[in-house]
Structures are given as C-alpha cells and as structure tokens.
Amino acid sequence: MISRASIPPLPAAPKDNLGCVASKLQKDVHVDSGDIAFYRKCMAEPDLERVAMPACERGFLAGISLGNAHRRKIFRGARPFDRRFETDSIYLRDFSEDYQADMYGNFDFVLVELSRPFLDRLAHEHDMPAISGLTCTPEQKDAVLGHLARALAANLEIAGPLNTLFIEQIGLAIGSHVARQYGSASIASERTKGVLSASHEARAKELLLERTRNGASIADIARECDLSRGYFIRAFSKSTGRTPHQWLLEQRTEQARQLVERTDMTLSEIAAQCGFADQSHLSRVFLKLVGVSPGAWRRHGRHGTG
C-alpha cells in the first residue's frame, strides 16, 4: 500500500510572464517590439485565480479593459481592495512592486508593457521631465486608451510588415498618452505650477482612502508623495478644489449613500464600513453634504424604487 506521504504533489500549472495560468486563457497573444510589448488576454469563465508576481525591473504595465464582467481583489498594504472593470477601465502596474490579486475571470484586456528605457526615450524625444512612475485612480476609465486598445486588438494577430508598423505606431500612441496623463512629473515642475502632478494626485487619493482608516495622517500621505505637509495640502486643494479632509469626507459620504440605497446594512454598520467615527458622525456629515439624513434618504430611495 502506498502511503499518502509518498505521493508527490501535483506540479503547479504553467503561468505566463504576467502571472496568469496559461491554460485557462481563451485568448493569449504576445507581440514583442523591443522596449515595448503588447498582449491580448481573454478568459471567458468566472473562475477564481490567484495571480502573484515578485518585484522585477521590467518597467510598467498598462491594462485596458474591453469588457464589463471582470473584478479582482488586489492585496497591497494592510487592507486588500476590490476593483471592478468596465469597458475602458484601466489600471497601471509598477513591476518594481510585488503584485498579488485574486482574479474572478471573465476578462478581456489589451495590455501594453512599457520598459523604463522606452519611457526615458519618450521623455527625451518630447522634451518632457523624466518619468519616474505611472499612477492612476483606482476607478480610472480612459476612452482614448479604450479606442486605441480596440484598434490594437483587431491587429495583433495579423502578420506582415505593414501591420507590424501599425502596431508599433499604436503602441507609441498608447505609451505617449499614458506618460502624459499618468506619468509623474519632476518635483520642481510641480512646485512651479503649485499643483499636484496627475500621478501624485491619483496616489494621494488612493492613500487617503486606504491609509486613513488605519490612522495615517496627512503628513504620512504627503511623505509618500515626497512633499511637505503644508505644500501637499495647498497643492491638493489647488488641484481638486477641496482640502484633503473635505475630499475624503465627500468620498466616504458617497460610499455611504450607495450603501444606504443598495443594502440592508444598519446605519451603524455603514458608518463603520465607510470610516466614520460612529453613526452620529455619519448622520451629521451626510446631512451637511447631501441635505437630508441617511434614514430619510433610505426611506425616499426605497419609496421611489417601489
């Protein structure tokens, strides 16, 4: 009789160079073009799949969703966060950071891998500040990238020199757009304008939503953006029209409003879920920003939908 301990474990399923199990992909296209690479990844089944990749020096990955059904839980920092993808939703991934996510299938993505030499050359050719990072908001959508991604997807599997040239041109357009819209500018450039760069603004908003639940201060978040506390508050206010505290209260109130409308959670549970001190704190802020109490909003919403 063979003991259970003597049975060797099953070998891990082979994964592609982005961490996905290759055998589960309905479509898996990879076109390399020097310092920029293109992918089309599709999965039709809603299977749960864990993706994990250690940090490396490959640069950045821009993902553009062509579908509506995908979601994933991304593990970063103290708390994981959920991300849902619709058509034209995008994400940016820095390969120099460890990446781990639970992916719930049903996805169709065009992905463009931008190496650091590509971004350096782009900045030099277009007389731009050096690009040290790429960042977007957690729920970012970009119709321009969506249009370019659909054009790219339609041509990735067509052979021939003319098509190769077309793919390179579309890739350059995507890389240029990503760099301009989501690339970090130099600190000197930011200080001249007195506002946050697109990447610092996106990072600051992400950190405000994630870290303040665990007691992080404005000074902590400013430090993450390599800025002083005072400059950060002034630049954030100039960029968004809100102080960091005002902006965060608005975001939490909007999250609470959706939970009041769509769930049966108690107001105390919603207050805790959205980062308010207690139900009384939620009610005061909700009344001030929405104009009615959370209870009145719930009664009105349910009456209106009935």
C-alpha atoms as a PDB file:
ATOM      1  CA  MET A   1       0.000   0.000   0.000  1.00  0.00           C
ATOM      2  CA  ILE A   2       1.351   3.430  -0.952  1.00  0.00           C
ATOM      3  CA  SER A   3       1.284   5.902   1.910  1.00  0.00           C
ATOM      4  CA  ARG A   4      -0.231   9.337   1.324  1.00  0.00           C
ATOM      5  CA  ALA A   5       3.086  10.969   2.264  1.00  0.00           C
ATOM      6  CA  SER A   6       4.850   9.214  -0.606  1.00  0.00           C
ATOM      7  CA  ILE A   7       2.572  10.660  -3.297  1.00  0.00           C
ATOM      8  CA  PRO A   8       4.359  13.611  -4.888  1.00  0.00           C
ATOM      9  CA  PRO A   9       2.413  16.890  -5.117  1.00  0.00           C
ATOM     10  CA  LEU A  10       0.934  17.828  -8.467  1.00  0.00           C
ATOM     11  CA  PRO A  11       3.151  20.229 -10.405  1.00  0.00           C
ATOM     12  CA  ALA A  12       1.996  23.834 -10.462  1.00  0.00           C
ATOM     13  CA  ALA A  13       0.141  24.846 -13.616  1.00  0.00           C
ATOM     14  CA  PRO A  14       2.420  26.763 -16.005  1.00  0.00           C
ATOM     15  CA  LYS A  15       1.920  30.521 -15.878  1.00  0.00           C
ATOM     16  CA  ASP A  16       2.578  33.205 -18.439  1.00  0.00           C
ATOM     17  CA  ASN A  17       5.009  36.064 -17.853  1.00  0.00           C
ATOM     18  CA  LEU A  18       2.262  38.165 -16.211  1.00  0.00           C
ATOM     19  CA  GLY A  19       1.349  35.540 -13.614  1.00  0.00           C
ATOM     20  CA  CYS A  20      -1.788  34.044 -15.218  1.00  0.00           C
ATOM     21  CA  VAL A  21      -2.337  30.289 -15.635  1.00  0.00           C
ATOM     22  CA  ALA A  22      -1.833  29.995 -19.378  1.00  0.00           C
ATOM     23  CA  SER A  23      -4.149  27.004 -19.859  1.00  0.00           C
ATOM     24  CA  LYS A  24      -7.143  28.989 -18.595  1.00  0.00           C
ATOM     25  CA  LEU A  25      -6.779  31.764 -21.153  1.00  0.00           C
ATOM     26  CA  GLN A  26      -9.212  31.679 -24.060  1.00  0.00           C
ATOM     27  CA  LYS A  27      -7.014  34.118 -25.966  1.00  0.00           C
ATOM     28  CA  ASP A  28      -3.319  34.662 -25.243  1.00  0.00           C
ATOM     29  CA  VAL A  29      -1.433  36.864 -27.720  1.00  0.00           C
ATOM     30  CA  HIS A  30       2.016  38.334 -27.108  1.00  0.00           C
ATOM     31  CA  VAL A  31       3.842  40.604 -29.546  1.00  0.00           C
ATOM     32  CA  ASP A  32       7.272  41.941 -28.568  1.00  0.00           C
ATOM     33  CA  SER A  33       8.633  45.101 -30.160  1.00  0.00           C
ATOM     34  CA  GLY A  34      11.929  45.946 -28.485  1.00  0.00           C
ATOM     35  CA  ASP A  35      11.346  48.130 -25.439  1.00  0.00           C
ATOM     36  CA  ILE A  36       7.541  47.846 -25.640  1.00  0.00           C
ATOM     37  CA  ALA A  37       5.424  44.665 -25.621  1.00  0.00           C
ATOM     38  CA  PHE A  38       1.748  44.019 -26.387  1.00  0.00           C
ATOM     39  CA  TYR A  39      -0.660  41.425 -25.018  1.00  0.00           C
ATOM     40  CA  ARG A  40      -4.267  40.361 -25.548  1.00  0.00           C
ATOM     41  CA  LYS A  41      -5.546  38.243 -22.662  1.00  0.00           C
ATOM     42  CA  CYS A  42      -9.090  36.843 -22.558  1.00  0.00           C
ATOM     43  CA  MET A  43     -10.775  34.467 -20.138  1.00  0.00           C
ATOM     44  CA  ALA A  44     -14.441  33.542 -20.576  1.00  0.00           C
ATOM     45  CA  GLU A  45     -15.013  31.625 -17.329  1.00  0.00           C
ATOM     46  CA  PRO A  46     -15.674  33.264 -13.929  1.00  0.00           C
ATOM     47  CA  ASP A  47     -13.015  31.118 -12.238  1.00  0.00           C
ATOM     48  CA  LEU A  48     -11.145  32.406  -9.216  1.00  0.00           C
ATOM     49  CA  GLU A  49      -7.442  32.595  -9.920  1.00  0.00           C
ATOM     50  CA  ARG A  50      -4.659  33.913  -7.678  1.00  0.00           C
ATOM     51  CA  VAL A  51      -2.017  35.934  -9.507  1.00  0.00           C
ATOM     52  CA  ALA A  52       1.250  36.612  -7.695  1.00  0.00           C
ATOM     53  CA  MET A  53       4.442  38.090  -9.118  1.00  0.00           C
ATOM     54  CA  PRO A  54       7.559  39.179  -7.240  1.00  0.00           C
ATOM     55  CA  ALA A  55       9.055  42.586  -7.955  1.00  0.00           C
ATOM     56  CA  CYS A  56      11.286  42.871 -11.029  1.00  0.00           C
ATOM     57  CA  GLU A  57      12.781  45.586 -13.241  1.00  0.00           C
ATOM     58  CA  ARG A  58      10.565  45.231 -16.317  1.00  0.00           C
ATOM     59  CA  GLY A  59       9.040  48.710 -16.069  1.00  0.00           C
ATOM     60  CA  PHE A  60       5.282  49.223 -16.096  1.00  0.00           C
ATOM     61  CA  LEU A  61       2.127  47.544 -17.385  1.00  0.00           C
ATOM     62  CA  ALA A  62      -0.881  49.453 -18.708  1.00  0.00           C
ATOM     63  CA  GLY A  63      -4.066  47.361 -18.832  1.00  0.00           C
ATOM     64  CA  ILE A  64      -7.176  48.439 -20.758  1.00  0.00           C
ATOM     65  CA  SER A  65     -10.428  46.523 -20.280  1.00  0.00           C
ATOM     66  CA  LEU A  66     -12.500  45.711 -23.363  1.00  0.00           C
ATOM     67  CA  GLY A  67     -15.243  44.001 -21.315  1.00  0.00           C
ATOM     68  CA  ASN A  68     -17.555  44.594 -18.366  1.00  0.00           C
ATOM     69  CA  ALA A  69     -17.600  41.456 -16.221  1.00  0.00           C
ATOM     70  CA  HIS A  70     -14.205  41.364 -14.520  1.00  0.00           C
ATOM     71  CA  ARG A  71     -13.374  42.043 -10.898  1.00  0.00           C
ATOM     72  CA  ARG A  72     -10.363  41.398  -8.715  1.00  0.00           C
ATOM     73  CA  LYS A  73      -9.225  41.792  -5.122  1.00  0.00           C
ATOM     74  CA  ILE A  74      -5.797  43.398  -5.005  1.00  0.00           C
ATOM     75  CA  PHE A  75      -3.575  42.845  -1.984  1.00  0.00           C
ATOM     76  CA  ARG A  76      -1.431  45.873  -1.234  1.00  0.00           C
ATOM     77  CA  GLY A  77      -0.638  47.347   2.143  1.00  0.00           C
ATOM     78  CA  ALA A  78      -2.659  46.497   5.235  1.00  0.00           C
ATOM     79  CA  ARG A  79      -6.018  46.050   3.512  1.00  0.00           C
ATOM     80  CA  PRO A  80      -6.939  44.447   0.188  1.00  0.00           C
ATOM     81  CA  PHE A  81      -9.268  46.432  -2.049  1.00  0.00           C
ATOM     82  CA  ASP A  82     -11.790  45.356  -4.663  1.00  0.00           C
ATOM     83  CA  ARG A  83     -11.642  46.618  -8.222  1.00  0.00           C
ATOM     84  CA  ARG A  84     -14.376  46.204 -10.837  1.00  0.00           C
ATOM     85  CA  PHE A  85     -13.623  46.716 -14.512  1.00  0.00           C
ATOM     86  CA  GLU A  86     -15.964  48.103 -17.130  1.00  0.00           C
ATOM     87  CA  THR A  87     -15.302  48.911 -20.774  1.00  0.00           C
ATOM     88  CA  ASP A  88     -12.427  51.444 -20.949  1.00  0.00           C
ATOM     89  CA  SER A  89     -11.426  50.866 -17.304  1.00  0.00           C
ATOM     90  CA  ILE A  90      -7.651  50.950 -16.989  1.00  0.00           C
ATOM     91  CA  TYR A  91      -5.008  50.018 -14.459  1.00  0.00           C
ATOM     92  CA  LEU A  92      -1.292  50.708 -14.176  1.00  0.00           C
ATOM     93  CA  ARG A  93       1.087  48.267 -12.548  1.00  0.00           C
ATOM     94  CA  ASP A  94       4.642  49.006 -11.465  1.00  0.00           C
ATOM     95  CA  PHE A  95       6.700  45.833 -11.920  1.00  0.00           C
ATOM     96  CA  SER A  96       9.154  47.035  -9.263  1.00  0.00           C
ATOM     97  CA  GLU A  97       6.485  46.281  -6.619  1.00  0.00           C
ATOM     98  CA  ASP A  98       5.274  42.824  -5.575  1.00  0.00           C
ATOM     99  CA  TYR A  99       1.847  42.127  -7.060  1.00  0.00           C
ATOM    100  CA  GLN A 100      -0.827  39.785  -5.744  1.00  0.00           C
ATOM    101  CA  ALA A 101      -4.501  39.642  -6.681  1.00  0.00           C
ATOM    102  CA  ASP A 102      -7.486  37.301  -6.698  1.00  0.00           C
ATOM    103  CA  MET A 103      -8.977  37.495 -10.180  1.00  0.00           C
ATOM    104  CA  TYR A 104     -12.567  36.498 -10.890  1.00  0.00           C
ATOM    105  CA  GLY A 105     -12.355  35.613 -14.567  1.00  0.00           C
ATOM    106  CA  ASN A 106     -14.478  36.925 -17.411  1.00  0.00           C
ATOM    107  CA  PHE A 107     -11.886  39.380 -18.648  1.00  0.00           C
ATOM    108  CA  ASP A 108     -10.761  40.784 -21.964  1.00  0.00           C
ATOM    109  CA  PHE A 109      -7.714  43.013 -21.719  1.00  0.00           C
ATOM    110  CA  VAL A 110      -5.239  44.662 -24.008  1.00  0.00           C
ATOM    111  CA  LEU A 111      -2.014  45.162 -22.072  1.00  0.00           C
ATOM    112  CA  VAL A 112       0.998  47.228 -23.015  1.00  0.00           C
ATOM    113  CA  GLU A 113       4.290  46.694 -21.206  1.00  0.00           C
ATOM    114  CA  LEU A 114       6.362  49.873 -21.130  1.00  0.00           C
ATOM    115  CA  SER A 115      10.019  49.428 -20.244  1.00  0.00           C
ATOM    116  CA  ARG A 116      11.951  52.124 -18.413  1.00  0.00           C
ATOM    117  CA  PRO A 117      14.200  52.687 -21.482  1.00  0.00           C
ATOM    118  CA  PHE A 118      11.020  53.330 -23.513  1.00  0.00           C
ATOM    119  CA  LEU A 119       9.813  55.954 -21.023  1.00  0.00           C
ATOM    120  CA  ASP A 120      13.279  57.543 -20.830  1.00  0.00           C
ATOM    121  CA  ARG A 121      13.442  57.778 -24.624  1.00  0.00           C
ATOM    122  CA  LEU A 122       9.902  59.173 -24.789  1.00  0.00           C
ATOM    123  CA  ALA A 123      10.712  61.881 -22.239  1.00  0.00           C
ATOM    124  CA  HIS A 124      13.898  62.804 -24.129  1.00  0.00           C
ATOM    125  CA  GLU A 125      12.249  62.905 -27.573  1.00  0.00           C
ATOM    126  CA  HIS A 126       9.318  65.030 -26.375  1.00  0.00           C
ATOM    127  CA  ASP A 127      11.307  67.290 -24.043  1.00  0.00           C
ATOM    128  CA  MET A 128       9.333  66.033 -21.034  1.00  0.00           C
ATOM    129  CA  PRO A 129      10.531  65.733 -17.432  1.00  0.00           C
ATOM    130  CA  ALA A 130      11.923  62.300 -16.555  1.00  0.00           C
ATOM    131  CA  ILE A 131       9.115  59.855 -15.817  1.00  0.00           C
ATOM    132  CA  SER A 132       9.771  58.078 -12.524  1.00  0.00           C
ATOM    133  CA  GLY A 133       6.380  56.398 -12.131  1.00  0.00           C
ATOM    134  CA  LEU A 134       2.888  55.839 -13.537  1.00  0.00           C
ATOM    135  CA  THR A 135      -0.235  56.064 -11.370  1.00  0.00           C
ATOM    136  CA  CYS A 136      -3.984  56.306 -11.921  1.00  0.00           C
ATOM    137  CA  THR A 137      -7.003  56.394  -9.621  1.00  0.00           C
ATOM    138  CA  PRO A 138      -8.498  53.056  -8.514  1.00  0.00           C
ATOM    139  CA  GLU A 139     -11.606  53.525 -10.701  1.00  0.00           C
ATOM    140  CA  GLN A 140      -9.918  55.215 -13.675  1.00  0.00           C
ATOM    141  CA  LYS A 141     -11.567  54.990 -17.118  1.00  0.00           C
ATOM    142  CA  ASP A 142      -9.980  56.361 -20.290  1.00  0.00           C
ATOM    143  CA  ALA A 143     -11.946  56.486 -23.540  1.00  0.00           C
ATOM    144  CA  VAL A 144      -8.848  57.432 -25.546  1.00  0.00           C
ATOM    145  CA  LEU A 145      -6.961  54.353 -24.378  1.00  0.00           C
ATOM    146  CA  GLY A 146     -10.075  52.257 -24.951  1.00  0.00           C
ATOM    147  CA  HIS A 147     -10.247  53.392 -28.587  1.00  0.00           C
ATOM    148  CA  LEU A 148      -6.545  52.734 -29.164  1.00  0.00           C
ATOM    149  CA  ALA A 149      -6.753  49.344 -27.427  1.00  0.00           C
ATOM    150  CA  ARG A 150      -9.603  48.199 -29.692  1.00  0.00           C
ATOM    151  CA  ALA A 151      -7.599  49.199 -32.743  1.00  0.00           C
ATOM    152  CA  LEU A 152      -4.605  47.311 -31.380  1.00  0.00           C
ATOM    153  CA  ALA A 153      -6.663  44.206 -30.511  1.00  0.00           C
ATOM    154  CA  ALA A 154      -8.004  43.997 -34.063  1.00  0.00           C
ATOM    155  CA  ASN A 155      -4.473  43.826 -35.485  1.00  0.00           C
ATOM    156  CA  LEU A 156      -2.302  41.930 -33.010  1.00  0.00           C
ATOM    157  CA  GLU A 157      -2.815  38.577 -34.747  1.00  0.00           C
ATOM    158  CA  ILE A 158      -2.306  39.801 -38.317  1.00  0.00           C
ATOM    159  CA  ALA A 159       1.124  39.088 -39.788  1.00  0.00           C
ATOM    160  CA  GLY A 160       3.100  41.274 -42.184  1.00  0.00           C
ATOM    161  CA  PRO A 161       5.470  44.242 -42.131  1.00  0.00           C
ATOM    162  CA  LEU A 162       2.752  46.856 -42.643  1.00  0.00           C
ATOM    163  CA  ASN A 163       0.783  45.534 -39.713  1.00  0.00           C
ATOM    164  CA  THR A 164       3.934  45.422 -37.590  1.00  0.00           C
ATOM    165  CA  LEU A 165       4.455  49.113 -38.322  1.00  0.00           C
ATOM    166  CA  PHE A 166       0.822  49.867 -37.455  1.00  0.00           C
ATOM    167  CA  ILE A 167       1.120  48.040 -34.118  1.00  0.00           C
ATOM    168  CA  GLU A 168       4.295  49.958 -33.258  1.00  0.00           C
ATOM    169  CA  GLN A 169       2.582  53.270 -34.051  1.00  0.00           C
ATOM    170  CA  ILE A 170      -0.479  52.413 -31.947  1.00  0.00           C
ATOM    171  CA  GLY A 171       1.838  51.290 -29.157  1.00  0.00           C
ATOM    172  CA  LEU A 172       3.718  54.586 -29.296  1.00  0.00           C
ATOM    173  CA  ALA A 173       0.400  56.478 -29.156  1.00  0.00           C
ATOM    174  CA  ILE A 174      -0.662  54.468 -26.090  1.00  0.00           C
ATOM    175  CA  GLY A 175       2.712  54.933 -24.397  1.00  0.00           C
ATOM    176  CA  SER A 176       2.720  58.676 -25.082  1.00  0.00           C
ATOM    177  CA  HIS A 177      -0.827  59.109 -23.781  1.00  0.00           C
ATOM    178  CA  VAL A 178      -0.116  57.101 -20.629  1.00  0.00           C
ATOM    179  CA  ALA A 179       3.098  59.048 -19.960  1.00  0.00           C
ATOM    180  CA  ARG A 180       1.424  62.442 -20.408  1.00  0.00           C
ATOM    181  CA  GLN A 181      -1.729  61.653 -18.438  1.00  0.00           C
ATOM    182  CA  TYR A 182      -0.407  59.398 -15.686  1.00  0.00           C
ATOM    183  CA  GLY A 183       3.352  59.902 -15.533  1.00  0.00           C
ATOM    184  CA  SER A 184       4.939  61.594 -12.547  1.00  0.00           C
ATOM    185  CA  ALA A 185       6.446  64.987 -13.298  1.00  0.00           C
ATOM    186  CA  SER A 186       9.529  66.234 -11.544  1.00  0.00           C
ATOM    187  CA  ILE A 187       9.070  67.847  -8.114  1.00  0.00           C
ATOM    188  CA  ALA A 188      10.485  71.109  -9.486  1.00  0.00           C
ATOM    189  CA  SER A 189       7.833  71.169 -12.232  1.00  0.00           C
ATOM    190  CA  GLU A 190       5.078  70.566  -9.683  1.00  0.00           C
ATOM    191  CA  ARG A 191       6.330  73.340  -7.434  1.00  0.00           C
ATOM    192  CA  THR A 192       6.437  75.797 -10.322  1.00  0.00           C
ATOM    193  CA  LYS A 193       2.760  75.192 -11.045  1.00  0.00           C
ATOM    194  CA  GLY A 194       1.745  74.835  -7.413  1.00  0.00           C
ATOM    195  CA  VAL A 195      -0.399  71.764  -8.146  1.00  0.00           C
ATOM    196  CA  LEU A 196      -0.002  68.007  -7.866  1.00  0.00           C
ATOM    197  CA  SER A 197       1.006  66.019 -10.919  1.00  0.00           C
ATOM    198  CA  ALA A 198      -1.605  63.582 -12.239  1.00  0.00           C
ATOM    199  CA  SER A 199       0.290  60.665 -10.713  1.00  0.00           C
ATOM    200  CA  HIS A 200       0.739  62.346  -7.306  1.00  0.00           C
ATOM    201  CA  GLU A 201      -2.930  63.368  -7.237  1.00  0.00           C
ATOM    202  CA  ALA A 202      -4.013  59.805  -8.061  1.00  0.00           C
ATOM    203  CA  ARG A 203      -1.626  58.347  -5.483  1.00  0.00           C
ATOM    204  CA  ALA A 204      -2.724  60.838  -2.824  1.00  0.00           C
ATOM    205  CA  LYS A 205      -6.408  59.994  -3.360  1.00  0.00           C
ATOM    206  CA  GLU A 206      -5.678  56.282  -3.220  1.00  0.00           C
ATOM    207  CA  LEU A 207      -3.696  56.705   0.005  1.00  0.00           C
ATOM    208  CA  LEU A 208      -6.352  58.923   1.582  1.00  0.00           C
ATOM    209  CA  LEU A 209      -8.986  56.239   1.001  1.00  0.00           C
ATOM    210  CA  GLU A 210      -6.803  53.320   2.124  1.00  0.00           C
ATOM    211  CA  ARG A 211      -4.459  54.570   4.822  1.00  0.00           C
ATOM    212  CA  THR A 212      -6.616  56.971   6.863  1.00  0.00           C
ATOM    213  CA  ARG A 213      -8.722  54.014   8.030  1.00  0.00           C
ATOM    214  CA  ASN A 214      -5.612  52.780   9.840  1.00  0.00           C
ATOM    215  CA  GLY A 215      -4.753  56.099  11.429  1.00  0.00           C
ATOM    216  CA  ALA A 216      -2.395  57.535   8.800  1.00  0.00           C
ATOM    217  CA  SER A 217      -2.073  61.315   8.930  1.00  0.00           C
ATOM    218  CA  ILE A 218      -1.923  63.914   6.169  1.00  0.00           C
ATOM    219  CA  ALA A 219       1.793  64.216   6.954  1.00  0.00           C
ATOM    220  CA  ASP A 220       2.212  60.470   6.305  1.00  0.00           C
ATOM    221  CA  ILE A 221       0.484  60.743   2.941  1.00  0.00           C
ATOM    222  CA  ALA A 222       2.451  63.870   1.984  1.00  0.00           C
ATOM    223  CA  ARG A 223       5.636  61.979   2.818  1.00  0.00           C
ATOM    224  CA  GLU A 224       4.580  59.142   0.481  1.00  0.00           C
ATOM    225  CA  CYS A 225       4.400  61.753  -2.285  1.00  0.00           C
ATOM    226  CA  ASP A 226       7.807  63.240  -1.334  1.00  0.00           C
ATOM    227  CA  LEU A 227       6.188  66.552  -0.371  1.00  0.00           C
ATOM    228  CA  SER A 228       5.983  68.591   2.807  1.00  0.00           C
ATOM    229  CA  ARG A 229       2.669  68.564   4.674  1.00  0.00           C
ATOM    230  CA  GLY A 230       1.972  72.253   4.036  1.00  0.00           C
ATOM    231  CA  TYR A 231       2.826  72.131   0.340  1.00  0.00           C
ATOM    232  CA  PHE A 232       0.805  68.938  -0.100  1.00  0.00           C
ATOM    233  CA  ILE A 233      -2.348  70.469   1.413  1.00  0.00           C
ATOM    234  CA  ARG A 234      -2.030  73.626  -0.732  1.00  0.00           C
ATOM    235  CA  ALA A 235      -1.277  71.706  -3.936  1.00  0.00           C
ATOM    236  CA  PHE A 236      -4.051  69.142  -3.323  1.00  0.00           C
ATOM    237  CA  SER A 237      -6.531  71.957  -2.705  1.00  0.00           C
ATOM    238  CA  LYS A 238      -5.457  73.783  -5.866  1.00  0.00           C
ATOM    239  CA  SER A 239      -5.646  70.577  -7.929  1.00  0.00           C
ATOM    240  CA  THR A 240      -9.036  69.348  -6.673  1.00  0.00           C
ATOM    241  CA  GLY A 241     -10.800  72.410  -5.279  1.00  0.00           C
ATOM    242  CA  ARG A 242     -11.033  70.611  -1.914  1.00  0.00           C
ATOM    243  CA  THR A 243      -8.756  70.181   1.064  1.00  0.00           C
ATOM    244  CA  PRO A 244      -7.695  66.553   1.616  1.00  0.00           C
ATOM    245  CA  HIS A 245     -10.124  66.307   4.548  1.00  0.00           C
ATOM    246  CA  GLN A 246     -13.051  67.750   2.559  1.00  0.00           C
ATOM    247  CA  TRP A 247     -12.349  65.468  -0.373  1.00  0.00           C
ATOM    248  CA  LEU A 248     -12.153  62.390   1.859  1.00  0.00           C
ATOM    249  CA  LEU A 249     -15.447  63.227   3.600  1.00  0.00           C
ATOM    250  CA  GLU A 250     -17.146  63.595   0.219  1.00  0.00           C
ATOM    251  CA  GLN A 251     -15.830  60.237  -0.957  1.00  0.00           C
ATOM    252  CA  ARG A 252     -16.876  58.473   2.238  1.00  0.00           C
ATOM    253  CA  THR A 253     -20.296  60.111   2.131  1.00  0.00           C
ATOM    254  CA  GLU A 254     -20.805  58.983  -1.458  1.00  0.00           C
ATOM    255  CA  GLN A 255     -19.836  55.434  -0.490  1.00  0.00           C
ATOM    256  CA  ALA A 256     -22.276  55.606   2.427  1.00  0.00           C
ATOM    257  CA  ARG A 257     -25.046  56.944   0.171  1.00  0.00           C
ATOM    258  CA  GLN A 258     -24.670  53.957  -2.144  1.00  0.00           C
ATOM    259  CA  LEU A 259     -24.759  51.510   0.774  1.00  0.00           C
ATOM    260  CA  VAL A 260     -27.841  53.242   2.209  1.00  0.00           C
ATOM    261  CA  GLU A 261     -29.570  52.871  -1.174  1.00  0.00           C
ATOM    262  CA  ARG A 262     -28.460  49.393  -2.158  1.00  0.00           C
ATOM    263  CA  THR A 263     -28.054  47.344   1.030  1.00  0.00           C
ATOM    264  CA  ASP A 264     -29.880  46.446   4.226  1.00  0.00           C
ATOM    265  CA  MET A 265     -26.877  47.306   6.387  1.00  0.00           C
ATOM    266  CA  THR A 266     -27.696  49.302   9.513  1.00  0.00           C
ATOM    267  CA  LEU A 267     -26.509  52.897   9.676  1.00  0.00           C
ATOM    268  CA  SER A 268     -24.012  51.890  12.370  1.00  0.00           C
ATOM    269  CA  GLU A 269     -22.594  49.210  10.086  1.00  0.00           C
ATOM    270  CA  ILE A 270     -22.411  51.672   7.188  1.00  0.00           C
ATOM    271  CA  ALA A 271     -20.652  54.239   9.382  1.00  0.00           C
ATOM    272  CA  ALA A 272     -18.012  51.677  10.348  1.00  0.00           C
ATOM    273  CA  GLN A 273     -17.648  50.409   6.779  1.00  0.00           C
ATOM    274  CA  CYS A 274     -17.090  53.907   5.394  1.00  0.00           C
ATOM    275  CA  GLY A 275     -14.644  55.102   8.039  1.00  0.00           C
ATOM    276  CA  PHE A 276     -16.866  57.415  10.112  1.00  0.00           C
ATOM    277  CA  ALA A 277     -16.351  57.569  13.862  1.00  0.00           C
ATOM    278  CA  ASP A 278     -19.899  56.367  14.569  1.00  0.00           C
ATOM    279  CA  GLN A 279     -23.496  56.630  13.298  1.00  0.00           C
ATOM    280  CA  SER A 280     -23.863  60.133  14.719  1.00  0.00           C
ATOM    281  CA  HIS A 281     -20.784  61.309  12.805  1.00  0.00           C
ATOM    282  CA  LEU A 282     -22.134  59.768   9.598  1.00  0.00           C
ATOM    283  CA  SER A 283     -25.523  61.438  10.085  1.00  0.00           C
ATOM    284  CA  ARG A 284     -24.025  64.897  10.669  1.00  0.00           C
ATOM    285  CA  VAL A 285     -21.774  64.760   7.609  1.00  0.00           C
ATOM    286  CA  PHE A 286     -24.453  63.139   5.414  1.00  0.00           C
ATOM    287  CA  LEU A 287     -26.986  65.829   6.344  1.00  0.00           C
ATOM    288  CA  LYS A 288     -24.483  68.582   5.620  1.00  0.00           C
ATOM    289  CA  LEU A 289     -23.350  67.250   2.232  1.00  0.00           C
ATOM    290  CA  VAL A 290     -26.493  65.537   0.910  1.00  0.00           C
ATOM    291  CA  GLY A 291     -29.121  67.773   2.500  1.00  0.00           C
ATOM    292  CA  VAL A 292     -31.107  65.020   4.253  1.00  0.00           C
ATOM    293  CA  SER A 293     -30.341  62.425   6.898  1.00  0.00           C
ATOM    294  CA  PRO A 294     -29.244  58.885   5.893  1.00  0.00           C
ATOM    295  CA  GLY A 295     -32.525  57.486   7.243  1.00  0.00           C
ATOM    296  CA  ALA A 296     -34.596  59.928   5.201  1.00  0.00           C
ATOM    297  CA  TRP A 297     -32.501  59.149   2.109  1.00  0.00           C
ATOM    298  CA  ARG A 298     -33.111  55.425   2.577  1.00  0.00           C
ATOM    299  CA  ARG A 299     -36.868  55.902   3.024  1.00  0.00           C
ATOM    300  CA  HIS A 300     -37.078  58.152  -0.031  1.00  0.00           C
ATOM    301  CA  GLY A 301     -34.939  55.798  -2.159  1.00  0.00           C
ATOM    302  CA  ARG A 302     -36.951  52.715  -1.286  1.00  0.00           C
ATOM    303  CA  HIS A 303     -40.241  54.534  -1.794  1.00  0.00           C
ATOM    304  CA  GLY A 304     -39.014  55.824  -5.148  1.00  0.00           C
ATOM    305  CA  THR A 305     -37.923  52.389  -6.382  1.00  0.00           C
ATOM    306  CA  GLY A 306     -41.128  50.727  -5.234  1.00  0.00           C
END
